[in-house]
Amino acid sequence: MHMRAFLSAPALLLALAPCMALGQTAQPSPAPSSSPVGAPAEHAPTTEADSAAGHATSVQVTAPMSAQISASMSGQLEKFPFRDGDHFHKGDVLAEFRCGQQKATLAHARAEYIKRRGLLDVQNKMKALGQWSVSDLQSAAADERAANADLEMATAVVAQCTVEAPFDGRVSNTMVHNYQYLSPGTPMLEILDDTSLELSMIVPSMELRNLAPGTPFRIHILETDATYPATITRISGKVDPVSKTIKVYGRLVRPAPDLLPGMTGEAQFGK
């Protein structure tokens, strides 16, 4: 019995030997390196000169001045000459209300002031002749001041009847029509200054080391498929800490009549 167990041990080892050899040969060999022979193990660091060689960012054409003109009084529009896209000059009448009653009130206030002013002159002449009374002179002076205040108020009301252009520019939108009755604060039209367009960009804050007022760059506008030279005019005073970006503004080197506010493109910095 013991001899049979002793003799079965070598037989068991002989039976397991092929399996052990197979397990040793089945171990995976290390994968060959995908790097070409002679290639450096790490990439060379990018220098500041390489990063400044060229950087592109989105750019938008904007108007330096724009405004929404609203009705300053209640009344019916009597003159609304400009339409969307029309050009105008500073001082042109953009809108005029029908103000017959307000103008009549102004005429009455002007006449009342002339009368009160004449009575005050009479009291001053009587004072020069020694035939005057302190109460009459003071009353005439107070009446003259009150009439002058009424005249100024009536003048201010009539001034609201006409809306003049605050600058040279162009109409970008109209919201009302001629002969329409409006209430105070009703938006009438939107205007913008297209005589000197501005360029607005948002660039990474790390690019500030390469940007300053006067830095030249070029823009390619999608709508016109043309490239224009430009320069930086100013840089925002605050960096967005979340996106790590900052607003940068520029202007065209030469006027470009084919550009309109709202057009977009790409700004190219560096060489």
Protein backbone atom coordinates (compact mmCIF):
# COMPACT_ATOMS: atom_id res chain seq x y z
CA MET A 1 0.00 0.00 0.00
CA HIS A 2 2.73 2.46 0.92
CA MET A 3 4.88 1.33 -2.01
CA ARG A 4 1.99 1.97 -4.39
CA ALA A 5 1.63 5.58 -3.10
CA PHE A 6 5.36 6.13 -3.34
CA LEU A 7 5.46 4.93 -6.90
CA SER A 8 2.45 7.12 -7.92
CA ALA A 9 4.17 10.38 -6.91
CA PRO A 10 6.72 10.37 -9.77
CA ALA A 11 3.96 9.46 -12.15
CA LEU A 12 1.95 12.44 -10.94
CA LEU A 13 4.91 14.77 -11.40
CA LEU A 14 5.42 13.50 -14.94
CA ALA A 15 1.77 14.15 -15.71
CA LEU A 16 1.88 17.73 -14.43
CA ALA A 17 5.18 18.65 -16.09
CA PRO A 18 3.68 19.53 -19.54
CA CYS A 19 1.07 21.75 -17.95
CA MET A 20 3.68 23.63 -15.94
CA ALA A 21 5.80 24.16 -19.02
CA LEU A 22 2.76 25.34 -20.96
CA GLY A 23 1.93 27.88 -18.22
CA GLN A 24 5.44 29.29 -18.33
CA THR A 25 5.41 29.70 -22.09
CA ALA A 26 1.91 31.26 -22.07
CA GLN A 27 3.07 34.35 -20.15
CA PRO A 28 2.63 37.40 -22.41
CA SER A 29 5.77 39.05 -23.58
CA PRO A 30 6.09 42.85 -23.12
CA ALA A 31 4.59 44.82 -26.02
CA PRO A 32 7.13 46.39 -28.30
CA SER A 33 7.46 50.17 -28.05
CA SER A 34 5.41 52.10 -30.60
CA SER A 35 7.95 54.87 -30.65
CA PRO A 36 10.18 54.86 -33.72
CA VAL A 37 13.80 54.04 -33.29
CA GLY A 38 15.77 57.10 -32.33
CA ALA A 39 12.68 59.18 -31.37
CA PRO A 40 13.00 61.25 -28.18
CA ALA A 41 11.08 60.03 -25.17
CA GLU A 42 9.45 63.43 -24.48
CA HIS A 43 8.28 66.30 -26.68
CA ALA A 44 10.30 69.47 -26.64
CA PRO A 45 8.58 72.24 -24.64
CA THR A 46 6.80 74.96 -26.63
CA THR A 47 8.55 78.28 -26.34
CA GLU A 48 6.84 81.65 -25.93
CA ALA A 49 7.99 82.64 -29.39
CA ASP A 50 6.23 79.60 -30.87
CA SER A 51 2.94 80.39 -29.08
CA ALA A 52 3.07 84.02 -30.20
CA ALA A 53 3.79 83.08 -33.80
CA GLY A 54 0.06 82.98 -34.53
CA HIS A 55 -3.15 83.01 -32.49
CA ALA A 56 -6.67 83.22 -33.90
CA THR A 57 -9.79 84.27 -32.00
CA SER A 58 -13.35 85.22 -32.84
CA VAL A 59 -14.08 88.90 -33.53
CA GLN A 60 -17.30 90.89 -33.87
CA VAL A 61 -17.85 94.24 -35.55
CA THR A 62 -19.67 96.62 -33.20
CA ALA A 63 -20.82 100.24 -33.17
CA PRO A 64 -19.13 102.49 -30.60
CA MET A 65 -22.43 104.29 -29.92
CA SER A 66 -25.99 103.00 -30.16
CA ALA A 67 -29.28 104.07 -28.62
CA GLN A 68 -32.93 103.19 -28.49
CA ILE A 69 -35.01 106.33 -28.99
CA SER A 70 -38.29 106.31 -27.05
CA ALA A 71 -41.23 108.70 -26.95
CA SER A 72 -40.74 111.41 -24.35
CA MET A 73 -44.40 112.46 -24.32
CA SER A 74 -47.85 111.21 -25.18
CA GLY A 75 -49.24 112.27 -28.52
CA GLN A 76 -49.60 111.51 -32.21
CA LEU A 77 -46.59 111.26 -34.48
CA GLU A 78 -46.73 113.96 -37.12
CA LYS A 79 -43.30 113.39 -38.68
CA PHE A 80 -41.34 110.13 -38.77
CA PRO A 81 -39.12 110.47 -41.85
CA PHE A 82 -36.44 107.79 -41.44
CA ARG A 83 -36.71 104.08 -42.21
CA ASP A 84 -34.53 101.13 -41.32
CA GLY A 85 -31.11 101.51 -42.93
CA ASP A 86 -31.36 105.28 -43.59
CA HIS A 87 -28.41 107.51 -42.71
CA PHE A 88 -28.82 110.73 -40.75
CA HIS A 89 -26.71 113.57 -39.35
CA LYS A 90 -26.53 115.04 -35.88
CA GLY A 91 -29.44 117.43 -35.34
CA ASP A 92 -31.76 115.86 -37.94
CA VAL A 93 -35.36 115.43 -36.79
CA LEU A 94 -35.94 111.74 -36.14
CA ALA A 95 -39.54 112.16 -34.91
CA GLU A 96 -41.97 115.02 -34.32
CA PHE A 97 -45.27 114.97 -32.43
CA ARG A 98 -48.40 116.98 -33.11
CA CYS A 99 -48.22 119.64 -30.40
CA GLY A 100 -50.81 122.32 -31.16
CA GLN A 101 -52.00 122.55 -27.56
CA GLN A 102 -48.49 122.60 -26.12
CA LYS A 103 -47.41 125.34 -28.51
CA ALA A 104 -50.47 127.41 -27.61
CA THR A 105 -49.60 127.05 -23.93
CA LEU A 106 -46.08 128.25 -24.72
CA ALA A 107 -47.41 131.30 -26.55
CA HIS A 108 -49.64 132.17 -23.60
CA ALA A 109 -46.74 131.79 -21.14
CA ARG A 110 -44.53 134.00 -23.29
CA ALA A 111 -47.20 136.73 -23.43
CA GLU A 112 -47.75 136.52 -19.67
CA TYR A 113 -44.05 136.89 -19.04
CA ILE A 114 -43.86 139.95 -21.28
CA LYS A 115 -46.72 141.51 -19.34
CA ARG A 116 -45.19 140.79 -15.93
CA ARG A 117 -41.83 142.02 -17.12
CA GLY A 118 -43.41 145.31 -18.22
CA LEU A 119 -45.10 145.81 -14.85
CA LEU A 120 -41.80 145.25 -13.09
CA ASP A 121 -40.15 147.86 -15.32
CA VAL A 122 -42.88 150.34 -14.39
CA GLN A 123 -42.26 149.77 -10.68
CA ASN A 124 -38.52 150.29 -11.16
CA LYS A 125 -39.14 153.59 -12.96
CA MET A 126 -41.46 154.74 -10.19
CA LYS A 127 -38.78 153.87 -7.70
CA ALA A 128 -36.33 156.06 -9.61
CA LEU A 129 -38.82 158.94 -9.41
CA GLY A 130 -39.37 158.39 -5.70
CA GLN A 131 -43.02 157.44 -6.17
CA TRP A 132 -42.94 153.76 -5.29
CA SER A 133 -43.97 151.31 -2.67
CA VAL A 134 -41.89 148.44 -1.37
CA SER A 135 -44.80 145.98 -1.43
CA ASP A 136 -45.76 146.88 -5.01
CA LEU A 137 -42.18 146.47 -6.22
CA GLN A 138 -41.75 143.14 -4.44
CA SER A 139 -45.08 141.86 -5.78
CA ALA A 140 -44.17 142.84 -9.33
CA ALA A 141 -40.79 141.13 -9.03
CA ALA A 142 -42.40 137.91 -7.70
CA ASP A 143 -44.97 137.91 -10.51
CA GLU A 144 -42.20 138.31 -13.06
CA ARG A 145 -40.28 135.33 -11.64
CA ALA A 146 -43.42 133.16 -11.63
CA ALA A 147 -44.17 134.07 -15.25
CA ASN A 148 -40.60 133.25 -16.21
CA ALA A 149 -40.90 129.82 -14.56
CA ASP A 150 -44.13 129.12 -16.45
CA LEU A 151 -42.41 130.13 -19.67
CA GLU A 152 -39.50 127.78 -19.04
CA MET A 153 -41.88 124.92 -18.26
CA ALA A 154 -43.89 125.48 -21.44
CA THR A 155 -40.68 125.70 -23.45
CA ALA A 156 -39.49 122.37 -22.06
CA VAL A 157 -42.78 120.68 -22.97
CA VAL A 158 -42.65 121.95 -26.54
CA ALA A 159 -39.01 120.83 -26.81
CA GLN A 160 -40.20 117.25 -26.22
CA CYS A 161 -42.35 117.49 -29.33
CA THR A 162 -39.25 117.08 -31.52
CA VAL A 163 -36.67 114.31 -31.26
CA GLU A 164 -33.31 115.18 -32.83
CA ALA A 165 -30.44 112.85 -33.69
CA PRO A 166 -27.72 112.97 -31.01
CA PHE A 167 -24.95 111.93 -33.44
CA ASP A 168 -24.23 111.02 -37.05
CA GLY A 169 -25.29 107.48 -37.80
CA ARG A 170 -27.78 105.06 -39.24
CA VAL A 171 -31.19 103.66 -38.32
CA SER A 172 -30.94 99.98 -37.36
CA ASN A 173 -34.60 99.31 -36.48
CA THR A 174 -38.00 101.03 -36.39
CA MET A 175 -40.86 100.01 -34.10
CA VAL A 176 -43.59 102.59 -34.87
CA HIS A 177 -45.20 104.29 -37.86
CA ASN A 178 -46.17 107.81 -38.77
CA TYR A 179 -49.48 109.14 -37.36
CA GLN A 180 -49.37 106.53 -34.59
CA TYR A 181 -50.45 107.63 -31.10
CA LEU A 182 -47.74 106.90 -28.52
CA SER A 183 -47.46 107.00 -24.77
CA PRO A 184 -44.34 108.15 -22.87
CA GLY A 185 -41.56 105.57 -22.99
CA THR A 186 -42.75 103.78 -26.13
CA PRO A 187 -39.69 102.62 -28.15
CA MET A 188 -39.71 104.28 -31.58
CA LEU A 189 -36.44 103.41 -33.30
CA GLU A 190 -32.89 102.18 -32.75
CA ILE A 191 -29.89 104.06 -34.06
CA LEU A 192 -26.15 103.45 -34.13
CA ASP A 193 -22.96 105.24 -35.08
CA ASP A 194 -21.46 103.47 -38.09
CA THR A 195 -18.92 106.17 -38.91
CA SER A 196 -16.14 104.54 -36.85
CA LEU A 197 -16.69 100.82 -36.25
CA GLU A 198 -15.12 98.97 -33.33
CA LEU A 199 -13.85 95.40 -33.08
CA SER A 200 -14.68 93.32 -30.01
CA MET A 201 -12.85 90.11 -29.05
CA ILE A 202 -12.51 87.73 -26.10
CA VAL A 203 -9.00 86.28 -25.86
CA PRO A 204 -7.25 84.00 -23.36
CA SER A 205 -5.77 85.99 -20.50
CA MET A 206 -2.39 84.32 -21.06
CA GLU A 207 -2.14 86.25 -24.34
CA LEU A 208 -1.93 89.57 -22.46
CA ARG A 209 1.85 89.25 -22.44
CA ASN A 210 1.78 89.65 -26.23
CA LEU A 211 -1.02 92.25 -26.52
CA ALA A 212 -1.08 95.98 -25.83
CA PRO A 213 -2.75 99.10 -27.28
CA GLY A 214 -1.25 99.64 -30.70
CA THR A 215 -0.55 95.94 -31.38
CA PRO A 216 -1.36 95.21 -35.05
CA PHE A 217 -3.45 92.26 -36.15
CA ARG A 218 -5.64 91.22 -39.07
CA ILE A 219 -9.29 90.20 -39.22
CA HIS A 220 -11.07 87.99 -41.74
CA ILE A 221 -14.82 88.72 -41.93
CA LEU A 222 -17.05 85.83 -42.92
CA GLU A 223 -19.80 87.90 -44.54
CA THR A 224 -17.45 89.72 -46.92
CA ASP A 225 -14.78 86.99 -47.18
CA ALA A 226 -12.14 89.72 -46.99
CA THR A 227 -9.22 90.51 -44.69
CA TYR A 228 -8.67 93.91 -43.06
CA PRO A 229 -5.73 95.32 -41.07
CA ALA A 230 -6.51 96.55 -37.55
CA THR A 231 -4.86 97.61 -34.30
CA ILE A 232 -5.75 97.15 -30.63
CA THR A 233 -7.14 100.30 -29.02
CA ARG A 234 -7.91 99.21 -25.45
CA ILE A 235 -8.02 96.20 -23.14
CA SER A 236 -10.64 95.53 -20.49
CA GLY A 237 -9.70 96.23 -16.90
CA LYS A 238 -10.75 92.81 -15.58
CA VAL A 239 -9.97 89.17 -16.36
CA ASP A 240 -12.78 86.62 -16.05
CA PRO A 241 -11.41 84.25 -13.37
CA VAL A 242 -13.65 81.36 -14.46
CA SER A 243 -12.96 81.26 -18.19
CA LYS A 244 -9.50 82.88 -17.94
CA THR A 245 -10.39 85.30 -20.72
CA ILE A 246 -10.41 89.07 -21.18
CA LYS A 247 -12.14 91.48 -23.56
CA VAL A 248 -9.98 93.26 -26.11
CA TYR A 249 -11.08 96.06 -28.45
CA GLY A 250 -9.61 97.29 -31.71
CA ARG A 251 -10.26 99.47 -34.74
CA LEU A 252 -9.68 99.24 -38.45
CA VAL A 253 -6.60 100.87 -39.92
CA ARG A 254 -8.64 102.14 -42.88
CA PRO A 255 -12.40 102.75 -43.23
CA ALA A 256 -14.31 99.78 -44.66
CA PRO A 257 -17.74 100.85 -45.99
CA ASP A 258 -18.69 97.23 -46.68
CA LEU A 259 -18.63 96.30 -42.99
CA LEU A 260 -21.72 96.47 -40.79
CA PRO A 261 -22.15 96.12 -37.02
CA GLY A 262 -22.90 92.53 -36.10
CA MET A 263 -20.61 90.94 -38.67
CA THR A 264 -18.26 88.29 -37.30
CA GLY A 265 -15.00 86.72 -38.28
CA GLU A 266 -11.59 85.70 -37.04
CA ALA A 267 -8.75 87.83 -35.70
CA GLN A 268 -5.21 86.70 -36.38
CA PHE A 269 -2.43 87.85 -34.05
CA GLY A 270 1.27 87.41 -34.52
CA LYS A 271 3.07 86.54 -37.72
